[in-house]
Amino acid sequence: MRFLTVLTALTLSAMTFPAAGTPDSASSGQSPGHAPSQNPRPTPPLLLVDDTHKPTVTIRWKNKSDRWVLYSAPRPYAADAAKTTLGGNIDCFVAVGGTRLTKGAGHPKGAVVRVGFYKHDKGKPFFDGITKDTTFEIMLRGVRFNQPVEVHPDSILMHLKYDRGDMNACGIPGDAREQFNLASPDETLNDRIRPGIDARLGALDGSKDALGSADLRVEDDGSVTMAVRFKYPALRNIRDPWQSDLPGTFLEPIHFHVEFEALPLGVAPLDPRRERITVPAAAHAD
């Protein structure tokens, strides 16, 4: 069995899908937390992603005719440069690493996995037949590791990136190119994101006024499933001078990804309010 090396910080609410039997159905009956091992073995020293199993990516939304638009397919672990078309105007990839690591905010013992989306044609809308009230649902299933893990939904975040030329044309400042929507209401990624300027804290916490929700769980077979729902306005740049949420009235990102962090069984997550560490931020992964 091969394992894919995962960078760590030292080296650098729930979604409902169609019922079982439909193309994008997820296994049911599992609960968040971790799956206990039936035959305890020595724990490997480094948490790695098992790349012999391809995770499955699903994205869907309802169009103006109240019909589901759904794209779903397995993806190998690869860099964003190896993205391939998932459907419509959407290219997709799955990779290890992500924003939490490039900001120096990853757990020293953790592993970060992300699923990313790019516009296939930057001149066209990301999604077909949507309204300002459209909600998108993303699911990443079948992420496996070389040891039992536990996961925490607050580790989920969304990273968005905009085209510089389009930003200039829209009057958006150059330092607003990258934006972040987080599940956690407290996490500032080692103080390297700025709430209200380039980040919406708690935007994916599922509360009444949130822009979305995030769910993360370990299935009975030990694999991890991430499910994220978000409303279309979550894609608008906080500093876009045009505050309308109507499709076509604000600048869409050319890329966004959602990510989560997994930890070895029994390892506690970092407190987002902890004293900040001095790990230099790396160049962004995508």
C-alpha atoms as a PDB file:
ATOM      1  CA  MET A   1       0.000   0.000   0.000  1.00  0.00           C
ATOM      2  CA  ARG A   2       1.308   3.452  -0.883  1.00  0.00           C
ATOM      3  CA  PHE A   3       0.749   6.574   1.169  1.00  0.00           C
ATOM      4  CA  LEU A   4       0.855  10.168   0.026  1.00  0.00           C
ATOM      5  CA  THR A   5       3.101  12.426   2.081  1.00  0.00           C
ATOM      6  CA  VAL A   6       1.240  15.192   3.904  1.00  0.00           C
ATOM      7  CA  LEU A   7       2.913  18.515   4.779  1.00  0.00           C
ATOM      8  CA  THR A   8       2.483  19.588   8.383  1.00  0.00           C
ATOM      9  CA  ALA A   9       2.832  22.935  10.121  1.00  0.00           C
ATOM     10  CA  LEU A  10       6.311  21.975  11.171  1.00  0.00           C
ATOM     11  CA  THR A  11       7.382  21.449   7.603  1.00  0.00           C
ATOM     12  CA  LEU A  12       5.970  24.378   6.141  1.00  0.00           C
ATOM     13  CA  SER A  13     -24.554  21.853   9.855  1.00  0.00           C
ATOM     14  CA  ALA A  14     -25.072  18.780   8.348  1.00  0.00           C
ATOM     15  CA  MET A  15     -25.928  18.333   4.662  1.00  0.00           C
ATOM     16  CA  THR A  16     -28.719  16.146   3.351  1.00  0.00           C
ATOM     17  CA  PHE A  17     -28.143  14.423  -0.003  1.00  0.00           C
ATOM     18  CA  PRO A  18     -30.607  12.162  -1.855  1.00  0.00           C
ATOM     19  CA  ALA A  19     -31.596   8.885  -0.266  1.00  0.00           C
ATOM     20  CA  ALA A  20     -29.453   5.798  -0.679  1.00  0.00           C
ATOM     21  CA  GLY A  21     -29.520   4.402  -4.170  1.00  0.00           C
ATOM     22  CA  THR A  22     -29.120   7.720  -5.986  1.00  0.00           C
ATOM     23  CA  PRO A  23     -25.831   8.585  -7.705  1.00  0.00           C
ATOM     24  CA  ASP A  24     -24.729  11.076  -5.068  1.00  0.00           C
ATOM     25  CA  SER A  25     -26.051   9.427  -1.949  1.00  0.00           C
ATOM     26  CA  ALA A  26     -23.775   9.130   1.063  1.00  0.00           C
ATOM     27  CA  SER A  27     -23.725   6.261   3.498  1.00  0.00           C
ATOM     28  CA  SER A  28     -25.973   6.883   6.500  1.00  0.00           C
ATOM     29  CA  GLY A  29     -26.022   6.001  10.136  1.00  0.00           C
ATOM     30  CA  GLN A  30     -22.533   7.226  10.943  1.00  0.00           C
ATOM     31  CA  SER A  31     -21.821   9.772  13.615  1.00  0.00           C
ATOM     32  CA  PRO A  32     -19.107  12.425  13.947  1.00  0.00           C
ATOM     33  CA  GLY A  33     -15.967  11.655  15.907  1.00  0.00           C
ATOM     34  CA  HIS A  34     -13.829   8.615  15.308  1.00  0.00           C
ATOM     35  CA  ALA A  35     -14.026   4.927  14.539  1.00  0.00           C
ATOM     36  CA  PRO A  36     -12.346   2.737  17.186  1.00  0.00           C
ATOM     37  CA  SER A  37      -9.875   0.145  15.999  1.00  0.00           C
ATOM     38  CA  GLN A  38     -10.854  -3.491  16.600  1.00  0.00           C
ATOM     39  CA  ASN A  39      -7.218  -4.603  16.624  1.00  0.00           C
ATOM     40  CA  PRO A  40      -5.023  -1.892  18.151  1.00  0.00           C
ATOM     41  CA  ARG A  41      -1.623  -1.637  16.525  1.00  0.00           C
ATOM     42  CA  PRO A  42       1.328   0.713  17.046  1.00  0.00           C
ATOM     43  CA  THR A  43       0.389   4.115  15.665  1.00  0.00           C
ATOM     44  CA  PRO A  44       2.563   5.309  12.743  1.00  0.00           C
ATOM     45  CA  PRO A  45       4.524   8.441  13.678  1.00  0.00           C
ATOM     46  CA  LEU A  46       3.308  10.506  10.708  1.00  0.00           C
ATOM     47  CA  LEU A  47      -0.288  10.926   9.547  1.00  0.00           C
ATOM     48  CA  LEU A  48      -0.471  10.250   5.813  1.00  0.00           C
ATOM     49  CA  VAL A  49      -3.227  10.165   3.194  1.00  0.00           C
ATOM     50  CA  ASP A  50      -3.734   6.769   1.558  1.00  0.00           C
ATOM     51  CA  ASP A  51      -3.678   7.595  -2.152  1.00  0.00           C
ATOM     52  CA  THR A  52      -4.510   4.038  -3.235  1.00  0.00           C
ATOM     53  CA  HIS A  53      -8.149   5.024  -2.666  1.00  0.00           C
ATOM     54  CA  LYS A  54      -9.576   7.828  -4.807  1.00  0.00           C
ATOM     55  CA  PRO A  55     -12.029  10.104  -2.993  1.00  0.00           C
ATOM     56  CA  THR A  56     -15.293  11.055  -4.693  1.00  0.00           C
ATOM     57  CA  VAL A  57     -16.262  14.686  -5.295  1.00  0.00           C
ATOM     58  CA  THR A  58     -19.898  15.756  -5.630  1.00  0.00           C
ATOM     59  CA  ILE A  59     -21.265  19.249  -6.213  1.00  0.00           C
ATOM     60  CA  ARG A  60     -24.917  20.054  -6.819  1.00  0.00           C
ATOM     61  CA  TRP A  61     -27.488  22.854  -6.743  1.00  0.00           C
ATOM     62  CA  LYS A  62     -31.053  23.506  -7.866  1.00  0.00           C
ATOM     63  CA  ASN A  63     -31.515  25.610 -10.997  1.00  0.00           C
ATOM     64  CA  LYS A  64     -34.250  28.132 -11.755  1.00  0.00           C
ATOM     65  CA  SER A  65     -36.546  25.287 -12.793  1.00  0.00           C
ATOM     66  CA  ASP A  66     -36.114  23.711  -9.335  1.00  0.00           C
ATOM     67  CA  ARG A  67     -34.212  20.787 -10.832  1.00  0.00           C
ATOM     68  CA  TRP A  68     -30.940  19.446  -9.494  1.00  0.00           C
ATOM     69  CA  VAL A  69     -27.736  20.097 -11.412  1.00  0.00           C
ATOM     70  CA  LEU A  70     -25.286  17.476 -10.185  1.00  0.00           C
ATOM     71  CA  TYR A  71     -21.696  16.589 -11.046  1.00  0.00           C
ATOM     72  CA  SER A  72     -19.919  13.742  -9.283  1.00  0.00           C
ATOM     73  CA  ALA A  73     -16.778  11.721  -9.977  1.00  0.00           C
ATOM     74  CA  PRO A  74     -13.774  10.131  -8.237  1.00  0.00           C
ATOM     75  CA  ARG A  75     -10.543  12.123  -8.322  1.00  0.00           C
ATOM     76  CA  PRO A  76      -6.937  11.076  -7.653  1.00  0.00           C
ATOM     77  CA  TYR A  77      -4.811  13.224  -5.378  1.00  0.00           C
ATOM     78  CA  ALA A  78      -3.034  15.769  -7.551  1.00  0.00           C
ATOM     79  CA  ALA A  79      -1.925  19.391  -7.638  1.00  0.00           C
ATOM     80  CA  ASP A  80      -4.312  22.048  -8.913  1.00  0.00           C
ATOM     81  CA  ALA A  81      -2.358  22.135 -12.176  1.00  0.00           C
ATOM     82  CA  ALA A  82      -3.682  18.612 -12.821  1.00  0.00           C
ATOM     83  CA  LYS A  83      -7.332  19.664 -12.470  1.00  0.00           C
ATOM     84  CA  THR A  84      -9.824  18.120 -14.882  1.00  0.00           C
ATOM     85  CA  THR A  85     -13.371  18.988 -15.891  1.00  0.00           C
ATOM     86  CA  LEU A  86     -16.011  17.764 -13.449  1.00  0.00           C
ATOM     87  CA  GLY A  87     -18.972  19.094 -15.449  1.00  0.00           C
ATOM     88  CA  GLY A  88     -20.371  22.299 -16.903  1.00  0.00           C
ATOM     89  CA  ASN A  89     -17.856  25.133 -16.453  1.00  0.00           C
ATOM     90  CA  ILE A  90     -16.239  23.477 -13.436  1.00  0.00           C
ATOM     91  CA  ASP A  91     -12.755  21.976 -13.288  1.00  0.00           C
ATOM     92  CA  CYS A  92     -11.848  20.070 -10.130  1.00  0.00           C
ATOM     93  CA  PHE A  93      -8.961  18.539  -8.189  1.00  0.00           C
ATOM     94  CA  VAL A  94      -8.318  16.932  -4.792  1.00  0.00           C
ATOM     95  CA  ALA A  95      -5.011  17.509  -3.015  1.00  0.00           C
ATOM     96  CA  VAL A  96      -3.223  17.338   0.319  1.00  0.00           C
ATOM     97  CA  GLY A  97      -2.257  20.574   2.037  1.00  0.00           C
ATOM     98  CA  GLY A  98      -4.103  23.860   1.970  1.00  0.00           C
ATOM     99  CA  THR A  99      -4.618  27.296   3.458  1.00  0.00           C
ATOM    100  CA  ARG A 100      -4.231  26.173   7.066  1.00  0.00           C
ATOM    101  CA  LEU A 101      -0.672  25.062   6.311  1.00  0.00           C
ATOM    102  CA  THR A 102       0.358  27.970   4.102  1.00  0.00           C
ATOM    103  CA  LYS A 103      -0.770  30.356   6.855  1.00  0.00           C
ATOM    104  CA  GLY A 104       1.320  28.494   9.435  1.00  0.00           C
ATOM    105  CA  ALA A 105      -1.798  27.475  11.377  1.00  0.00           C
ATOM    106  CA  GLY A 106      -1.854  23.707  10.871  1.00  0.00           C
ATOM    107  CA  HIS A 107      -1.564  21.210  13.717  1.00  0.00           C
ATOM    108  CA  PRO A 108       1.970  19.727  13.904  1.00  0.00           C
ATOM    109  CA  LYS A 109       0.463  16.222  13.918  1.00  0.00           C
ATOM    110  CA  GLY A 110      -2.401  16.887  11.508  1.00  0.00           C
ATOM    111  CA  ALA A 111      -3.079  16.437   7.809  1.00  0.00           C
ATOM    112  CA  VAL A 112      -5.032  18.827   5.593  1.00  0.00           C
ATOM    113  CA  VAL A 113      -7.034  17.730   2.538  1.00  0.00           C
ATOM    114  CA  ARG A 114      -8.750  20.084   0.099  1.00  0.00           C
ATOM    115  CA  VAL A 115     -11.094  19.837  -2.871  1.00  0.00           C
ATOM    116  CA  GLY A 116     -10.773  22.714  -5.315  1.00  0.00           C
ATOM    117  CA  PHE A 117     -12.797  24.120  -8.196  1.00  0.00           C
ATOM    118  CA  TYR A 118     -11.760  26.372 -11.090  1.00  0.00           C
ATOM    119  CA  LYS A 119     -13.722  28.005 -13.858  1.00  0.00           C
ATOM    120  CA  HIS A 120     -12.990  26.089 -17.050  1.00  0.00           C
ATOM    121  CA  ASP A 121     -13.689  29.287 -19.007  1.00  0.00           C
ATOM    122  CA  LYS A 122     -12.945  32.392 -16.926  1.00  0.00           C
ATOM    123  CA  GLY A 123     -15.242  34.463 -19.128  1.00  0.00           C
ATOM    124  CA  LYS A 124     -18.331  32.436 -18.210  1.00  0.00           C
ATOM    125  CA  PRO A 125     -20.287  32.080 -14.943  1.00  0.00           C
ATOM    126  CA  PHE A 126     -19.198  29.342 -12.570  1.00  0.00           C
ATOM    127  CA  PHE A 127     -22.684  27.820 -12.349  1.00  0.00           C
ATOM    128  CA  ASP A 128     -25.678  27.426 -14.649  1.00  0.00           C
ATOM    129  CA  GLY A 129     -29.214  28.634 -13.992  1.00  0.00           C
ATOM    130  CA  ILE A 130     -28.815  30.074 -10.504  1.00  0.00           C
ATOM    131  CA  THR A 131     -30.450  32.848  -8.456  1.00  0.00           C
ATOM    132  CA  LYS A 132     -29.275  34.858  -5.448  1.00  0.00           C
ATOM    133  CA  ASP A 133     -31.024  32.281  -3.245  1.00  0.00           C
ATOM    134  CA  THR A 134     -29.246  29.262  -4.731  1.00  0.00           C
ATOM    135  CA  THR A 135     -27.514  26.996  -2.214  1.00  0.00           C
ATOM    136  CA  PHE A 136     -24.623  24.805  -3.321  1.00  0.00           C
ATOM    137  CA  GLU A 137     -23.740  21.479  -1.746  1.00  0.00           C
ATOM    138  CA  ILE A 138     -20.265  19.980  -1.899  1.00  0.00           C
ATOM    139  CA  MET A 139     -19.346  16.545  -0.609  1.00  0.00           C
ATOM    140  CA  LEU A 140     -15.937  14.881  -0.496  1.00  0.00           C
ATOM    141  CA  ARG A 141     -16.201  11.178   0.387  1.00  0.00           C
ATOM    142  CA  GLY A 142     -13.745   8.333   0.827  1.00  0.00           C
ATOM    143  CA  VAL A 143     -10.686  10.160   2.200  1.00  0.00           C
ATOM    144  CA  ARG A 144      -8.531   7.517   3.881  1.00  0.00           C
ATOM    145  CA  PHE A 145      -5.441   7.709   6.057  1.00  0.00           C
ATOM    146  CA  ASN A 146      -2.710   5.355   7.253  1.00  0.00           C
ATOM    147  CA  GLN A 147      -4.103   5.306  10.800  1.00  0.00           C
ATOM    148  CA  PRO A 148      -7.369   5.990  12.666  1.00  0.00           C
ATOM    149  CA  VAL A 149      -8.243   9.690  12.789  1.00  0.00           C
ATOM    150  CA  GLU A 150     -10.637  12.074  14.427  1.00  0.00           C
ATOM    151  CA  VAL A 151     -11.999  15.215  12.834  1.00  0.00           C
ATOM    152  CA  HIS A 152     -13.556  18.498  13.926  1.00  0.00           C
ATOM    153  CA  PRO A 153     -15.962  20.494  11.696  1.00  0.00           C
ATOM    154  CA  ASP A 154     -14.512  23.798  12.913  1.00  0.00           C
ATOM    155  CA  SER A 155     -11.364  23.007  10.893  1.00  0.00           C
ATOM    156  CA  ILE A 156     -13.317  23.444   7.633  1.00  0.00           C
ATOM    157  CA  LEU A 157     -12.707  26.601   5.646  1.00  0.00           C
ATOM    158  CA  MET A 158     -13.320  27.945   2.148  1.00  0.00           C
ATOM    159  CA  HIS A 159     -10.645  29.846   0.246  1.00  0.00           C
ATOM    160  CA  LEU A 160     -11.570  32.044  -2.740  1.00  0.00           C
ATOM    161  CA  LYS A 161      -9.321  33.650  -5.344  1.00  0.00           C
ATOM    162  CA  TYR A 162     -10.209  36.364  -7.891  1.00  0.00           C
ATOM    163  CA  ASP A 163      -8.734  37.439 -11.228  1.00  0.00           C
ATOM    164  CA  ARG A 164      -6.471  40.474 -10.807  1.00  0.00           C
ATOM    165  CA  GLY A 165      -7.516  42.110 -14.067  1.00  0.00           C
ATOM    166  CA  ASP A 166     -11.208  41.764 -13.253  1.00  0.00           C
ATOM    167  CA  MET A 167     -10.568  43.106  -9.761  1.00  0.00           C
ATOM    168  CA  ASN A 168      -8.976  46.238 -11.179  1.00  0.00           C
ATOM    169  CA  ALA A 169     -11.910  46.734 -13.536  1.00  0.00           C
ATOM    170  CA  CYS A 170     -14.349  46.396 -10.615  1.00  0.00           C
ATOM    171  CA  GLY A 171     -12.443  48.702  -8.285  1.00  0.00           C
ATOM    172  CA  ILE A 172     -11.514  45.965  -5.797  1.00  0.00           C
ATOM    173  CA  PRO A 173      -8.180  46.563  -3.987  1.00  0.00           C
ATOM    174  CA  GLY A 174      -5.336  44.277  -4.973  1.00  0.00           C
ATOM    175  CA  ASP A 175      -4.822  43.009  -1.422  1.00  0.00           C
ATOM    176  CA  ALA A 176      -8.360  41.565  -1.478  1.00  0.00           C
ATOM    177  CA  ARG A 177      -7.551  38.927  -4.075  1.00  0.00           C
ATOM    178  CA  GLU A 178      -7.832  36.079  -1.558  1.00  0.00           C
ATOM    179  CA  GLN A 179     -10.891  35.727   0.683  1.00  0.00           C
ATOM    180  CA  PHE A 180     -11.821  33.179   3.347  1.00  0.00           C
ATOM    181  CA  ASN A 181     -15.066  31.769   4.764  1.00  0.00           C
ATOM    182  CA  LEU A 182     -14.599  29.767   7.960  1.00  0.00           C
ATOM    183  CA  ALA A 183     -16.725  27.400  10.019  1.00  0.00           C
ATOM    184  CA  SER A 184     -15.034  28.514  13.235  1.00  0.00           C
ATOM    185  CA  PRO A 185     -16.137  31.847  14.737  1.00  0.00           C
ATOM    186  CA  ASP A 186     -12.734  32.267  16.414  1.00  0.00           C
ATOM    187  CA  GLU A 187     -10.062  30.993  14.003  1.00  0.00           C
ATOM    188  CA  THR A 188      -7.889  33.677  12.399  1.00  0.00           C
ATOM    189  CA  LEU A 189      -5.290  31.231  10.983  1.00  0.00           C
ATOM    190  CA  ASN A 190      -2.444  32.389  13.178  1.00  0.00           C
ATOM    191  CA  ASP A 191      -3.614  36.015  12.776  1.00  0.00           C
ATOM    192  CA  ARG A 192      -2.947  35.887   9.035  1.00  0.00           C
ATOM    193  CA  ILE A 193      -6.514  36.630   7.952  1.00  0.00           C
ATOM    194  CA  ARG A 194      -8.484  39.771   8.819  1.00  0.00           C
ATOM    195  CA  PRO A 195     -12.139  39.457   9.826  1.00  0.00           C
ATOM    196  CA  GLY A 196     -14.318  41.862   7.865  1.00  0.00           C
ATOM    197  CA  ILE A 197     -11.500  42.605   5.417  1.00  0.00           C
ATOM    198  CA  ASP A 198     -10.641  39.295   3.804  1.00  0.00           C
ATOM    199  CA  ALA A 199     -12.389  36.795   6.093  1.00  0.00           C
ATOM    200  CA  ARG A 200     -15.852  35.899   7.338  1.00  0.00           C
ATOM    201  CA  LEU A 201     -15.477  34.047  10.631  1.00  0.00           C
ATOM    202  CA  GLY A 202     -18.304  31.632  11.410  1.00  0.00           C
ATOM    203  CA  ALA A 203     -19.692  32.011   7.892  1.00  0.00           C
ATOM    204  CA  LEU A 204     -20.081  28.222   7.627  1.00  0.00           C
ATOM    205  CA  ASP A 205     -21.216  27.493  11.194  1.00  0.00           C
ATOM    206  CA  GLY A 206     -24.830  26.763  10.219  1.00  0.00           C
ATOM    207  CA  SER A 207     -26.320  29.477  12.420  1.00  0.00           C
ATOM    208  CA  LYS A 208     -29.406  31.458  11.398  1.00  0.00           C
ATOM    209  CA  ASP A 209     -27.512  34.288   9.692  1.00  0.00           C
ATOM    210  CA  ALA A 210     -24.614  32.195   8.380  1.00  0.00           C
ATOM    211  CA  LEU A 211     -23.825  31.834   4.703  1.00  0.00           C
ATOM    212  CA  GLY A 212     -23.552  28.075   4.994  1.00  0.00           C
ATOM    213  CA  SER A 213     -22.841  25.023   7.104  1.00  0.00           C
ATOM    214  CA  ALA A 214     -20.067  22.454   7.399  1.00  0.00           C
ATOM    215  CA  ASP A 215     -20.098  18.820   8.485  1.00  0.00           C
ATOM    216  CA  LEU A 216     -17.176  16.453   8.966  1.00  0.00           C
ATOM    217  CA  ARG A 217     -17.321  12.852  10.118  1.00  0.00           C
ATOM    218  CA  VAL A 218     -15.477   9.559  10.219  1.00  0.00           C
ATOM    219  CA  GLU A 219     -17.499   6.746   8.658  1.00  0.00           C
ATOM    220  CA  ASP A 220     -17.754   3.180   9.999  1.00  0.00           C
ATOM    221  CA  ASP A 221     -15.089   2.058   7.518  1.00  0.00           C
ATOM    222  CA  GLY A 222     -12.633   4.682   8.825  1.00  0.00           C
ATOM    223  CA  SER A 223     -12.860   6.995   5.818  1.00  0.00           C
ATOM    224  CA  VAL A 224     -13.636  10.691   6.220  1.00  0.00           C
ATOM    225  CA  THR A 225     -16.549  12.566   4.646  1.00  0.00           C
ATOM    226  CA  MET A 226     -16.700  16.363   4.383  1.00  0.00           C
ATOM    227  CA  ALA A 227     -19.960  18.095   3.472  1.00  0.00           C
ATOM    228  CA  VAL A 228     -20.259  21.861   2.948  1.00  0.00           C
ATOM    229  CA  ARG A 229     -23.307  23.913   2.017  1.00  0.00           C
ATOM    230  CA  PHE A 230     -23.067  27.579   1.074  1.00  0.00           C
ATOM    231  CA  LYS A 231     -25.285  30.278  -0.357  1.00  0.00           C
ATOM    232  CA  TYR A 232     -24.295  32.040  -3.576  1.00  0.00           C
ATOM    233  CA  PRO A 233     -23.405  35.345  -1.777  1.00  0.00           C
ATOM    234  CA  ALA A 234     -20.579  33.481  -0.018  1.00  0.00           C
ATOM    235  CA  LEU A 235     -18.659  33.872  -3.300  1.00  0.00           C
ATOM    236  CA  ARG A 236     -18.807  37.683  -3.255  1.00  0.00           C
ATOM    237  CA  ASN A 237     -15.627  39.509  -2.301  1.00  0.00           C
ATOM    238  CA  ILE A 238     -16.116  41.342   0.995  1.00  0.00           C
ATOM    239  CA  ARG A 239     -14.579  44.475  -0.532  1.00  0.00           C
ATOM    240  CA  ASP A 240     -16.515  44.388  -3.781  1.00  0.00           C
ATOM    241  CA  PRO A 241     -18.007  47.908  -4.020  1.00  0.00           C
ATOM    242  CA  TRP A 242     -21.133  46.445  -5.619  1.00  0.00           C
ATOM    243  CA  GLN A 243     -23.070  44.931  -2.714  1.00  0.00           C
ATOM    244  CA  SER A 244     -25.813  43.196  -4.695  1.00  0.00           C
ATOM    245  CA  ASP A 245     -26.065  39.411  -4.349  1.00  0.00           C
ATOM    246  CA  LEU A 246     -27.708  38.899  -7.749  1.00  0.00           C
ATOM    247  CA  PRO A 247     -25.808  36.615 -10.156  1.00  0.00           C
ATOM    248  CA  GLY A 248     -23.937  38.691 -12.697  1.00  0.00           C
ATOM    249  CA  THR A 249     -23.799  41.811 -10.518  1.00  0.00           C
ATOM    250  CA  PHE A 250     -20.684  40.969  -8.481  1.00  0.00           C
ATOM    251  CA  LEU A 251     -17.308  39.528  -9.386  1.00  0.00           C
ATOM    252  CA  GLU A 252     -17.180  35.757  -9.018  1.00  0.00           C
ATOM    253  CA  PRO A 253     -13.936  34.057  -7.987  1.00  0.00           C
ATOM    254  CA  ILE A 254     -12.067  32.134 -10.643  1.00  0.00           C
ATOM    255  CA  HIS A 255     -11.218  29.515  -8.026  1.00  0.00           C
ATOM    256  CA  PHE A 256     -12.319  28.305  -4.627  1.00  0.00           C
ATOM    257  CA  HIS A 257     -11.573  25.314  -2.466  1.00  0.00           C
ATOM    258  CA  VAL A 258     -12.847  23.821   0.781  1.00  0.00           C
ATOM    259  CA  GLU A 259     -10.559  21.959   3.156  1.00  0.00           C
ATOM    260  CA  PHE A 260     -10.458  20.119   6.460  1.00  0.00           C
ATOM    261  CA  GLU A 261      -7.838  18.968   8.928  1.00  0.00           C
ATOM    262  CA  ALA A 262      -7.652  15.415  10.319  1.00  0.00           C
ATOM    263  CA  LEU A 263      -5.790  14.454  13.498  1.00  0.00           C
ATOM    264  CA  PRO A 264      -4.475  11.131  14.785  1.00  0.00           C
ATOM    265  CA  LEU A 265      -6.795   9.418  17.243  1.00  0.00           C
ATOM    266  CA  GLY A 266      -6.531  11.001  20.688  1.00  0.00           C
ATOM    267  CA  VAL A 267      -4.792  14.200  19.548  1.00  0.00           C
ATOM    268  CA  ALA A 268      -6.587  17.364  20.665  1.00  0.00           C
ATOM    269  CA  PRO A 269      -7.109  20.192  18.145  1.00  0.00           C
ATOM    270  CA  LEU A 270      -5.289  23.482  18.626  1.00  0.00           C
ATOM    271  CA  ASP A 271      -7.186  26.206  20.475  1.00  0.00           C
ATOM    272  CA  PRO A 272      -7.786  29.010  17.924  1.00  0.00           C
ATOM    273  CA  ARG A 273      -7.355  31.552  20.737  1.00  0.00           C
ATOM    274  CA  ARG A 274      -3.958  30.167  21.733  1.00  0.00           C
ATOM    275  CA  GLU A 275      -0.831  32.281  21.802  1.00  0.00           C
ATOM    276  CA  ARG A 276       0.242  32.703  18.196  1.00  0.00           C
ATOM    277  CA  ILE A 277       3.200  30.768  16.887  1.00  0.00           C
ATOM    278  CA  THR A 278       5.886  32.239  14.663  1.00  0.00           C
ATOM    279  CA  VAL A 279       5.796  29.878  11.700  1.00  0.00           C
ATOM    280  CA  PRO A 280       6.420  31.806   8.459  1.00  0.00           C
ATOM    281  CA  ALA A 281       3.568  31.640   5.971  1.00  0.00           C
ATOM    282  CA  ALA A 282       4.362  29.745   2.783  1.00  0.00           C
ATOM    283  CA  ALA A 283       3.374  30.533  -0.791  1.00  0.00           C
ATOM    284  CA  HIS A 284      -0.246  29.534  -1.218  1.00  0.00           C
ATOM    285  CA  ALA A 285      -0.869  25.989  -2.426  1.00  0.00           C
ATOM    286  CA  ASP A 286      -3.333  27.022  -5.122  1.00  0.00           C
END
